[in-house]
Protein backbone atom coordinates (compact mmCIF):
# COMPACT_ATOMS: atom_id res chain seq x y z
CA LEU A 1 76.61 128.85 81.77
CA SER A 2 77.33 128.53 77.75
CA VAL A 3 80.72 130.39 78.49
CA ASP A 4 81.69 127.27 80.93
CA VAL A 5 80.38 124.81 78.29
CA TRP A 6 82.88 126.65 76.03
CA SER A 7 86.16 126.44 78.28
CA PHE A 8 85.41 123.26 79.17
CA GLY A 9 85.23 122.22 75.45
CA ILE A 10 88.99 124.16 75.18
CA CYS A 11 90.24 122.49 78.31
CA MET A 12 89.19 118.92 76.67
CA MET A 13 90.53 120.28 73.28
CA GLU A 14 94.24 121.36 75.16
CA VAL A 15 94.25 117.84 76.87
CA MET A 16 93.46 115.50 74.20
CA ASN A 17 95.67 117.44 71.44
CA GLY A 18 98.39 117.65 74.36
CA HIS A 19 98.71 121.47 73.92
CA PRO A 20 96.32 124.26 74.15
CA PRO A 21 95.14 125.82 70.54
CA HIS A 22 97.51 128.26 68.87
CA ARG A 23 99.71 127.96 71.69
CA LYS A 24 102.31 130.55 70.21
CA SER A 25 99.96 133.40 70.53
CA SER A 26 97.00 133.53 73.17
CA VAL A 27 95.73 136.40 72.16
CA LYS A 28 95.30 134.68 68.85
CA ALA A 29 93.91 131.48 69.92
CA MET A 30 91.24 133.87 71.95
CA PHE A 31 90.22 135.91 69.18
CA TYR A 32 90.32 132.95 66.42
CA GLY A 33 88.42 130.46 67.98
CA ALA A 34 85.72 132.81 69.30
CA THR A 35 84.93 134.01 65.95
CA HIS A 36 85.87 131.04 63.54
CA GLY A 37 85.23 128.23 66.43
CA TYR A 38 87.07 124.78 65.51
CA SER A 39 85.59 122.59 62.83
CA SER A 40 88.18 120.09 63.84
CA PRO A 41 89.21 120.62 67.40
CA LEU A 42 91.20 117.21 67.46
CA GLU A 43 94.23 116.91 65.71
CA HIS A 44 94.09 112.94 65.88
CA PRO A 45 90.72 112.46 64.89
CA SER A 46 90.99 108.75 64.41
CA SER A 47 91.70 108.08 68.18
CA TRP A 48 88.19 109.22 69.23
CA SER A 49 84.98 107.69 69.47
CA GLU A 50 82.17 109.87 67.00
CA ASP A 51 80.51 109.82 70.23
CA LEU A 52 83.25 112.45 71.80
CA HIS A 53 83.36 114.44 68.57
CA ASP A 54 79.73 115.29 68.69
CA PHE A 55 80.08 115.71 72.62
CA MET A 56 83.21 118.34 71.41
CA THR A 57 81.42 120.06 68.66
CA LYS A 58 78.37 120.45 71.28
CA CYS A 59 80.98 121.82 73.57
CA LEU A 60 82.52 124.27 70.97
CA THR A 61 79.59 125.78 68.95
CA THR A 62 80.41 129.29 68.05
CA ASP A 63 76.99 130.84 68.97
CA PRO A 64 76.53 130.46 72.64
CA LYS A 65 72.64 130.40 71.36
CA LYS A 66 72.66 127.10 70.02
CA ARG A 67 75.64 125.91 72.61
CA ALA A 68 74.42 123.03 74.41
CA THR A 69 73.95 123.09 78.05
CA THR A 70 75.69 121.20 80.77
CA ARG A 71 72.23 119.78 81.28
CA GLN A 72 72.04 118.08 77.91
CA LEU A 73 76.07 117.42 77.96
CA LEU A 74 75.26 115.51 81.23
CA LYS A 75 72.75 113.17 79.39
CA HIS A 76 75.13 112.94 75.95
CA PRO A 77 76.30 109.36 74.94
CA TRP A 78 79.94 109.83 75.37
CA ILE A 79 79.47 110.70 79.07
CA LYS A 80 77.10 107.45 79.57
CA THR A 81 78.90 104.76 77.15
CA THR A 82 82.24 105.95 76.95
CA LYS A 83 84.23 102.72 76.71
CA PRO A 84 87.04 101.61 78.73
CA ALA A 85 89.70 101.87 76.41
CA GLU A 86 88.54 105.73 75.65
CA LYS A 87 88.65 106.52 79.48
CA GLU A 88 92.11 104.91 80.38
CA HIS A 89 93.25 106.98 77.36
CA MET A 90 92.10 110.03 79.09
CA LYS A 91 93.53 108.99 82.08
CA LEU A 92 97.30 108.50 80.55
CA LEU A 93 96.87 112.27 78.72
CA PHE A 94 95.71 113.65 82.38
CA HIS A 95 98.55 112.40 84.13
CA SER A 96 100.98 113.25 81.79
CA LEU A 97 99.57 116.97 81.34
CA PHE A 98 99.65 117.34 85.11
CA ALA A 99 103.31 115.77 85.42
CA ALA A 100 104.28 118.34 82.97
CA ASN A 101 103.16 121.32 84.96
CA ARG A 102 104.60 120.00 88.21
CA LEU A 103 108.08 119.91 85.94
CA LEU A 104 107.33 123.54 84.95
CA ASP A 105 105.76 124.88 87.94
CA GLY A 106 108.62 123.01 90.37
CA THR A 107 106.01 121.09 92.17
CA SER A 108 105.85 117.33 92.66
């Protein structure tokens, strides 16, 4: 579903930036993203490949009719040619995010 692609893009943005968009107000985040989109979803764009930027743009296209499908995304160059350094960077981000969440919810 198109909404799942959007949600996936938002989750990726949260992981790569280390926090959710508009984290001070979840209501603002929901309405702003849905109406204005995210022209620059990554806070440190030079840390990521052009293929990843394109992948994110395809996930976060505001108009669901123009948004990429999961089938299209699975054929995207970023999925097929992600550099080992970028994969390692993502792995570290996921690890720190999940470690922080475990501390917040008291699980280990």
